[in-house]
Amino acid sequence: MLLQAAGFAMLAAISPTALIVMAVFLGSANPRLTAMSYVLGAIIMTVLMAFMVLVILRTTGLNQPRQHTPRYEFRLALGILSLAAAAFVARRKKPVRDPAEPRRGGLMDKLISQPSPKTAFGAGVLLFAPGATFIAAVQVVATAEAGIPITAIALIIIVALTCLVVWLPLLTFMVAPEATTRVLKTINDWLRGHGKAVAVYALAICGVALVLNGALGLTQ
């Protein structure tokens, strides 16, 4: 159970956007406090969503043995949703902007345009809204016949792995700020040119994993 949940959580951690935003905050005027606020927002959002998903799934009875088919149907549906998201991102074209028109950024652009602890916290909350693989990771725990201690440990592992892309750069920055900044800049530059492809592949891998897991579960 722990291994399967950790696998889905690692897939949920693949977020080029979250890493790019972290690079922006670590390059701000107050990098430590701003980045810490970003990590705090991400962790709080992830913890709350993990608890809510766990409660909802167990309240609906999906942890009961008689709900074997519905639980795997749900996982299969999550996989199909992830594949659909991959197809959408792959087909979406960046709109051509008239150079004469002022740039109109979205909410995330506004949050990172003037980095501060407040906007960083909001960015963490917004970027770490639950995705299909995160929900699947929590579902593995919710449907397992495990006691409170094992369930709590599993949720901690899921949260830690899901937020890995933000707390690990902050930790390395605390130890070696210059080296971390250089590495993040290199990764950031690469992601700006390949971020879409990374997102598509990540969503596709997540979708295939969930579809296979759900389909195999239904045949058992």
C-alpha atoms as a PDB file:
ATOM      1  CA  MET A   1       0.000   0.000   0.000  1.00  0.00           C
ATOM      2  CA  LEU A   2       2.739   2.465   0.968  1.00  0.00           C
ATOM      3  CA  LEU A   3       4.781   1.714  -2.149  1.00  0.00           C
ATOM      4  CA  GLN A   4       1.812   2.178  -4.483  1.00  0.00           C
ATOM      5  CA  ALA A   5       0.711   5.391  -2.776  1.00  0.00           C
ATOM      6  CA  ALA A   6       4.282   6.730  -2.904  1.00  0.00           C
ATOM      7  CA  GLY A   7       4.473   5.948  -6.629  1.00  0.00           C
ATOM      8  CA  PHE A   8       1.357   7.965  -7.393  1.00  0.00           C
ATOM      9  CA  ALA A   9       2.596  10.792  -5.134  1.00  0.00           C
ATOM     10  CA  MET A  10       5.899  10.934  -7.051  1.00  0.00           C
ATOM     11  CA  LEU A  11       3.962  11.297 -10.289  1.00  0.00           C
ATOM     12  CA  ALA A  12       1.903  14.066  -8.670  1.00  0.00           C
ATOM     13  CA  ALA A  13       5.155  15.863  -7.785  1.00  0.00           C
ATOM     14  CA  ILE A  14       6.064  16.386 -11.458  1.00  0.00           C
ATOM     15  CA  SER A  15       5.248  20.071 -11.906  1.00  0.00           C
ATOM     16  CA  PRO A  16       7.425  22.252 -14.155  1.00  0.00           C
ATOM     17  CA  THR A  17       5.353  25.304 -13.229  1.00  0.00           C
ATOM     18  CA  ALA A  18       5.900  24.798  -9.491  1.00  0.00           C
ATOM     19  CA  LEU A  19       9.652  24.578 -10.013  1.00  0.00           C
ATOM     20  CA  ILE A  20       9.753  27.677 -12.236  1.00  0.00           C
ATOM     21  CA  VAL A  21       7.809  29.629  -9.604  1.00  0.00           C
ATOM     22  CA  MET A  22      10.215  28.477  -6.899  1.00  0.00           C
ATOM     23  CA  ALA A  23      13.126  29.760  -8.996  1.00  0.00           C
ATOM     24  CA  VAL A  24      11.396  33.149  -9.227  1.00  0.00           C
ATOM     25  CA  PHE A  25      10.834  33.356  -5.472  1.00  0.00           C
ATOM     26  CA  LEU A  26      14.391  32.296  -4.634  1.00  0.00           C
ATOM     27  CA  GLY A  27      15.601  35.111  -6.873  1.00  0.00           C
ATOM     28  CA  SER A  28      13.471  37.731  -5.126  1.00  0.00           C
ATOM     29  CA  ALA A  29      14.615  40.439  -2.717  1.00  0.00           C
ATOM     30  CA  ASN A  30      13.712  38.321   0.326  1.00  0.00           C
ATOM     31  CA  PRO A  31      14.250  34.777  -0.987  1.00  0.00           C
ATOM     32  CA  ARG A  32      14.145  32.758   2.234  1.00  0.00           C
ATOM     33  CA  LEU A  33      10.933  34.171   3.657  1.00  0.00           C
ATOM     34  CA  THR A  34       9.213  34.302   0.276  1.00  0.00           C
ATOM     35  CA  ALA A  35      10.158  30.733  -0.624  1.00  0.00           C
ATOM     36  CA  MET A  36       9.217  29.487   2.842  1.00  0.00           C
ATOM     37  CA  SER A  37       5.783  31.081   2.446  1.00  0.00           C
ATOM     38  CA  TYR A  38       5.436  29.350  -0.916  1.00  0.00           C
ATOM     39  CA  VAL A  39       6.321  25.979   0.603  1.00  0.00           C
ATOM     40  CA  LEU A  40       3.979  26.614   3.531  1.00  0.00           C
ATOM     41  CA  GLY A  41       1.068  27.350   1.190  1.00  0.00           C
ATOM     42  CA  ALA A  42       1.818  24.202  -0.821  1.00  0.00           C
ATOM     43  CA  ILE A  43       2.028  21.987   2.268  1.00  0.00           C
ATOM     44  CA  ILE A  44      -1.110  23.396   3.893  1.00  0.00           C
ATOM     45  CA  MET A  45      -3.100  22.942   0.683  1.00  0.00           C
ATOM     46  CA  THR A  46      -1.790  19.401   0.208  1.00  0.00           C
ATOM     47  CA  VAL A  47      -2.482  18.377   3.815  1.00  0.00           C
ATOM     48  CA  LEU A  48      -6.020  19.776   3.734  1.00  0.00           C
ATOM     49  CA  MET A  49      -6.803  18.106   0.403  1.00  0.00           C
ATOM     50  CA  ALA A  50      -5.325  14.780   1.538  1.00  0.00           C
ATOM     51  CA  PHE A  51      -7.496  14.817   4.654  1.00  0.00           C
ATOM     52  CA  MET A  52     -10.612  15.852   2.741  1.00  0.00           C
ATOM     53  CA  VAL A  53     -10.154  13.209   0.037  1.00  0.00           C
ATOM     54  CA  LEU A  54      -9.497  10.551   2.691  1.00  0.00           C
ATOM     55  CA  VAL A  55     -12.628  11.470   4.634  1.00  0.00           C
ATOM     56  CA  ILE A  56     -14.810  11.636   1.508  1.00  0.00           C
ATOM     57  CA  LEU A  57     -13.628   8.269   0.198  1.00  0.00           C
ATOM     58  CA  ARG A  58     -14.079   6.544   3.525  1.00  0.00           C
ATOM     59  CA  THR A  59     -17.413   8.224   4.144  1.00  0.00           C
ATOM     60  CA  THR A  60     -18.697   6.889   0.823  1.00  0.00           C
ATOM     61  CA  GLY A  61     -17.601   3.404   1.848  1.00  0.00           C
ATOM     62  CA  LEU A  62     -14.966   2.830  -0.833  1.00  0.00           C
ATOM     63  CA  ASN A  63     -12.706   1.272   1.790  1.00  0.00           C
ATOM     64  CA  GLN A  64     -15.124  -1.628   2.206  1.00  0.00           C
ATOM     65  CA  PRO A  65     -14.309  -4.943   0.452  1.00  0.00           C
ATOM     66  CA  ARG A  66     -17.718  -4.971  -1.252  1.00  0.00           C
ATOM     67  CA  GLN A  67     -16.763  -1.729  -3.050  1.00  0.00           C
ATOM     68  CA  HIS A  68     -13.918  -3.403  -4.987  1.00  0.00           C
ATOM     69  CA  THR A  69     -15.404  -2.578  -8.399  1.00  0.00           C
ATOM     70  CA  PRO A  70     -16.387   1.076  -7.704  1.00  0.00           C
ATOM     71  CA  ARG A  71     -12.944   1.919  -6.287  1.00  0.00           C
ATOM     72  CA  TYR A  72     -11.160   0.663  -9.408  1.00  0.00           C
ATOM     73  CA  GLU A  73     -13.725   2.272 -11.683  1.00  0.00           C
ATOM     74  CA  PHE A  74     -12.943   5.556  -9.923  1.00  0.00           C
ATOM     75  CA  ARG A  75      -9.213   5.057 -10.503  1.00  0.00           C
ATOM     76  CA  LEU A  76      -9.867   4.211 -14.152  1.00  0.00           C
ATOM     77  CA  ALA A  77     -11.890   7.415 -14.504  1.00  0.00           C
ATOM     78  CA  LEU A  78      -9.013   9.412 -12.997  1.00  0.00           C
ATOM     79  CA  GLY A  79      -6.686   7.901 -15.580  1.00  0.00           C
ATOM     80  CA  ILE A  80      -8.978   8.794 -18.463  1.00  0.00           C
ATOM     81  CA  LEU A  81      -9.251  12.333 -17.088  1.00  0.00           C
ATOM     82  CA  SER A  82      -5.460  12.610 -16.910  1.00  0.00           C
ATOM     83  CA  LEU A  83      -5.074  11.382 -20.504  1.00  0.00           C
ATOM     84  CA  ALA A  84      -7.682  13.885 -21.639  1.00  0.00           C
ATOM     85  CA  ALA A  85      -5.759  16.651 -19.866  1.00  0.00           C
ATOM     86  CA  ALA A  86      -2.552  15.529 -21.611  1.00  0.00           C
ATOM     87  CA  ALA A  87      -4.286  15.696 -24.992  1.00  0.00           C
ATOM     88  CA  PHE A  88      -5.683  19.151 -24.185  1.00  0.00           C
ATOM     89  CA  VAL A  89      -2.292  20.542 -23.156  1.00  0.00           C
ATOM     90  CA  ALA A  90      -0.622  18.996 -26.217  1.00  0.00           C
ATOM     91  CA  ARG A  91      -3.140  20.526 -28.621  1.00  0.00           C
ATOM     92  CA  ARG A  92      -3.327  23.908 -26.940  1.00  0.00           C
ATOM     93  CA  LYS A  93      -1.468  26.587 -28.839  1.00  0.00           C
ATOM     94  CA  LYS A  94       0.030  29.656 -27.259  1.00  0.00           C
ATOM     95  CA  PRO A  95      -2.058  32.637 -28.374  1.00  0.00           C
ATOM     96  CA  VAL A  96      -0.364  35.133 -30.628  1.00  0.00           C
ATOM     97  CA  ARG A  97      -0.204  38.471 -28.837  1.00  0.00           C
ATOM     98  CA  ASP A  98      -0.180  41.827 -30.567  1.00  0.00           C
ATOM     99  CA  PRO A  99       3.042  43.572 -29.470  1.00  0.00           C
ATOM    100  CA  ALA A 100       1.137  46.859 -29.345  1.00  0.00           C
ATOM    101  CA  GLU A 101      -1.262  45.511 -26.718  1.00  0.00           C
ATOM    102  CA  PRO A 102      -0.290  45.542 -23.033  1.00  0.00           C
ATOM    103  CA  ARG A 103       0.502  42.150 -21.575  1.00  0.00           C
ATOM    104  CA  ARG A 104      -2.376  40.702 -19.562  1.00  0.00           C
ATOM    105  CA  GLY A 105      -1.147  38.024 -17.227  1.00  0.00           C
ATOM    106  CA  GLY A 106      -3.268  35.499 -15.404  1.00  0.00           C
ATOM    107  CA  LEU A 107      -3.639  35.108 -11.670  1.00  0.00           C
ATOM    108  CA  MET A 108      -0.362  33.193 -11.346  1.00  0.00           C
ATOM    109  CA  ASP A 109       1.501  35.880 -13.303  1.00  0.00           C
ATOM    110  CA  LYS A 110       0.138  38.484 -10.912  1.00  0.00           C
ATOM    111  CA  LEU A 111       1.168  36.454  -7.871  1.00  0.00           C
ATOM    112  CA  ILE A 112       4.786  36.121  -9.014  1.00  0.00           C
ATOM    113  CA  SER A 113       5.203  39.504 -10.696  1.00  0.00           C
ATOM    114  CA  GLN A 114       5.846  41.170  -7.332  1.00  0.00           C
ATOM    115  CA  PRO A 115       7.164  38.398  -5.052  1.00  0.00           C
ATOM    116  CA  SER A 116       6.255  38.699  -1.387  1.00  0.00           C
ATOM    117  CA  PRO A 117       5.442  36.218   1.400  1.00  0.00           C
ATOM    118  CA  LYS A 118       1.722  36.871   0.888  1.00  0.00           C
ATOM    119  CA  THR A 119       1.689  36.299  -2.872  1.00  0.00           C
ATOM    120  CA  ALA A 120       4.059  33.313  -2.496  1.00  0.00           C
ATOM    121  CA  PHE A 121       1.679  31.671  -0.033  1.00  0.00           C
ATOM    122  CA  GLY A 122      -1.193  32.203  -2.479  1.00  0.00           C
ATOM    123  CA  ALA A 123       0.859  30.709  -5.301  1.00  0.00           C
ATOM    124  CA  GLY A 124       1.559  27.619  -3.211  1.00  0.00           C
ATOM    125  CA  VAL A 125      -2.119  27.141  -2.445  1.00  0.00           C
ATOM    126  CA  LEU A 126      -3.130  27.655  -6.065  1.00  0.00           C
ATOM    127  CA  LEU A 127      -0.490  25.435  -7.676  1.00  0.00           C
ATOM    128  CA  PHE A 128      -0.995  22.536  -5.293  1.00  0.00           C
ATOM    129  CA  ALA A 129      -4.687  22.018  -5.808  1.00  0.00           C
ATOM    130  CA  PRO A 130      -5.179  18.234  -6.077  1.00  0.00           C
ATOM    131  CA  GLY A 131      -4.642  16.468  -9.392  1.00  0.00           C
ATOM    132  CA  ALA A 132      -5.646  12.997 -10.565  1.00  0.00           C
ATOM    133  CA  THR A 133      -2.517  11.193  -9.355  1.00  0.00           C
ATOM    134  CA  PHE A 134      -2.623  12.896  -5.954  1.00  0.00           C
ATOM    135  CA  ILE A 135      -6.231  11.780  -5.501  1.00  0.00           C
ATOM    136  CA  ALA A 136      -5.232   8.280  -6.618  1.00  0.00           C
ATOM    137  CA  ALA A 137      -2.428   8.225  -4.036  1.00  0.00           C
ATOM    138  CA  VAL A 138      -4.818   9.154  -1.241  1.00  0.00           C
ATOM    139  CA  GLN A 139      -7.373   6.655  -2.560  1.00  0.00           C
ATOM    140  CA  VAL A 140      -4.832   3.855  -2.158  1.00  0.00           C
ATOM    141  CA  VAL A 141      -4.561   4.772   1.510  1.00  0.00           C
ATOM    142  CA  ALA A 142      -8.284   5.354   1.977  1.00  0.00           C
ATOM    143  CA  THR A 143      -9.217   1.934   0.597  1.00  0.00           C
ATOM    144  CA  ALA A 144      -6.528   0.033   2.499  1.00  0.00           C
ATOM    145  CA  GLU A 145      -7.464  -1.810   5.651  1.00  0.00           C
ATOM    146  CA  ALA A 146      -4.906   0.027   7.757  1.00  0.00           C
ATOM    147  CA  GLY A 147      -5.070   1.481  11.230  1.00  0.00           C
ATOM    148  CA  ILE A 148      -4.697   5.123  12.189  1.00  0.00           C
ATOM    149  CA  PRO A 149      -0.868   5.059  12.661  1.00  0.00           C
ATOM    150  CA  ILE A 150      -0.183   3.498   9.231  1.00  0.00           C
ATOM    151  CA  THR A 151      -2.746   5.786   7.594  1.00  0.00           C
ATOM    152  CA  ALA A 152      -1.125   8.855   9.156  1.00  0.00           C
ATOM    153  CA  ILE A 153       2.365   7.742   8.065  1.00  0.00           C
ATOM    154  CA  ALA A 154       1.101   7.098   4.531  1.00  0.00           C
ATOM    155  CA  LEU A 155      -0.472  10.552   4.295  1.00  0.00           C
ATOM    156  CA  ILE A 156       2.723  12.186   5.569  1.00  0.00           C
ATOM    157  CA  ILE A 157       4.683  10.347   2.870  1.00  0.00           C
ATOM    158  CA  ILE A 158       2.202  11.434   0.198  1.00  0.00           C
ATOM    159  CA  VAL A 159       2.362  15.086   1.288  1.00  0.00           C
ATOM    160  CA  ALA A 160       6.174  15.053   1.500  1.00  0.00           C
ATOM    161  CA  LEU A 161       6.589  13.501  -1.942  1.00  0.00           C
ATOM    162  CA  THR A 162       3.937  15.654  -3.604  1.00  0.00           C
ATOM    163  CA  CYS A 163       5.606  18.826  -2.301  1.00  0.00           C
ATOM    164  CA  LEU A 164       9.125  17.551  -3.016  1.00  0.00           C
ATOM    165  CA  VAL A 165       9.548  19.938  -5.950  1.00  0.00           C
ATOM    166  CA  VAL A 166       9.265  22.959  -3.626  1.00  0.00           C
ATOM    167  CA  TRP A 167      10.688  21.967  -0.245  1.00  0.00           C
ATOM    168  CA  LEU A 168      13.810  20.292  -1.629  1.00  0.00           C
ATOM    169  CA  PRO A 169      15.020  23.407  -3.546  1.00  0.00           C
ATOM    170  CA  LEU A 170      14.373  25.507  -0.432  1.00  0.00           C
ATOM    171  CA  LEU A 171      16.376  23.081   1.700  1.00  0.00           C
ATOM    172  CA  THR A 172      19.318  23.070  -0.705  1.00  0.00           C
ATOM    173  CA  PHE A 173      19.126  26.878  -0.941  1.00  0.00           C
ATOM    174  CA  MET A 174      19.495  27.110   2.839  1.00  0.00           C
ATOM    175  CA  VAL A 175      22.677  25.011   2.620  1.00  0.00           C
ATOM    176  CA  ALA A 176      24.176  26.264  -0.651  1.00  0.00           C
ATOM    177  CA  PRO A 177      22.331  29.337  -1.975  1.00  0.00           C
ATOM    178  CA  GLU A 178      24.645  30.191  -4.866  1.00  0.00           C
ATOM    179  CA  ALA A 179      24.872  26.641  -6.218  1.00  0.00           C
ATOM    180  CA  THR A 180      21.093  26.160  -5.880  1.00  0.00           C
ATOM    181  CA  THR A 181      20.405  29.422  -7.691  1.00  0.00           C
ATOM    182  CA  ARG A 182      22.675  28.413 -10.579  1.00  0.00           C
ATOM    183  CA  VAL A 183      21.095  24.984 -10.908  1.00  0.00           C
ATOM    184  CA  LEU A 184      17.561  26.363 -10.720  1.00  0.00           C
ATOM    185  CA  LYS A 185      18.379  28.989 -13.338  1.00  0.00           C
ATOM    186  CA  THR A 186      19.628  26.273 -15.689  1.00  0.00           C
ATOM    187  CA  ILE A 187      16.555  24.133 -15.056  1.00  0.00           C
ATOM    188  CA  ASN A 188      14.304  27.174 -15.363  1.00  0.00           C
ATOM    189  CA  ASP A 189      15.777  28.137 -18.733  1.00  0.00           C
ATOM    190  CA  TRP A 190      15.325  24.579 -19.992  1.00  0.00           C
ATOM    191  CA  LEU A 191      11.759  24.306 -18.709  1.00  0.00           C
ATOM    192  CA  ARG A 192      10.720  27.532 -20.413  1.00  0.00           C
ATOM    193  CA  GLY A 193      11.453  25.826 -23.712  1.00  0.00           C
ATOM    194  CA  HIS A 194      10.392  22.290 -22.826  1.00  0.00           C
ATOM    195  CA  GLY A 195       7.901  22.752 -19.989  1.00  0.00           C
ATOM    196  CA  LYS A 196       4.875  21.974 -22.159  1.00  0.00           C
ATOM    197  CA  ALA A 197       6.393  18.697 -23.337  1.00  0.00           C
ATOM    198  CA  VAL A 198       7.262  17.737 -19.746  1.00  0.00           C
ATOM    199  CA  ALA A 199       3.708  18.491 -18.612  1.00  0.00           C
ATOM    200  CA  VAL A 200       2.215  16.441 -21.466  1.00  0.00           C
ATOM    201  CA  TYR A 201       4.468  13.451 -20.795  1.00  0.00           C
ATOM    202  CA  ALA A 202       3.809  13.649 -17.049  1.00  0.00           C
ATOM    203  CA  LEU A 203       0.033  13.731 -17.548  1.00  0.00           C
ATOM    204  CA  ALA A 204       0.228  10.916 -20.088  1.00  0.00           C
ATOM    205  CA  ILE A 205       2.345   8.715 -17.801  1.00  0.00           C
ATOM    206  CA  CYS A 206      -0.022   9.394 -14.908  1.00  0.00           C
ATOM    207  CA  GLY A 207      -3.014   8.595 -17.101  1.00  0.00           C
ATOM    208  CA  VAL A 208      -1.569   5.332 -18.418  1.00  0.00           C
ATOM    209  CA  ALA A 209      -0.571   4.236 -14.899  1.00  0.00           C
ATOM    210  CA  LEU A 210      -4.041   4.943 -13.524  1.00  0.00           C
ATOM    211  CA  VAL A 211      -5.861   3.351 -16.460  1.00  0.00           C
ATOM    212  CA  LEU A 212      -3.752   0.188 -16.222  1.00  0.00           C
ATOM    213  CA  ASN A 213      -4.123   0.047 -12.453  1.00  0.00           C
ATOM    214  CA  GLY A 214      -7.874   0.543 -12.643  1.00  0.00           C
ATOM    215  CA  ALA A 215      -8.344  -1.935 -15.499  1.00  0.00           C
ATOM    216  CA  LEU A 216      -6.236  -4.622 -13.815  1.00  0.00           C
ATOM    217  CA  GLY A 217      -8.127  -4.085 -10.579  1.00  0.00           C
ATOM    218  CA  LEU A 218     -11.457  -4.591 -12.312  1.00  0.00           C
ATOM    219  CA  THR A 219     -10.318  -7.922 -13.761  1.00  0.00           C
ATOM    220  CA  GLN A 220      -9.356  -9.346 -10.359  1.00  0.00           C
END
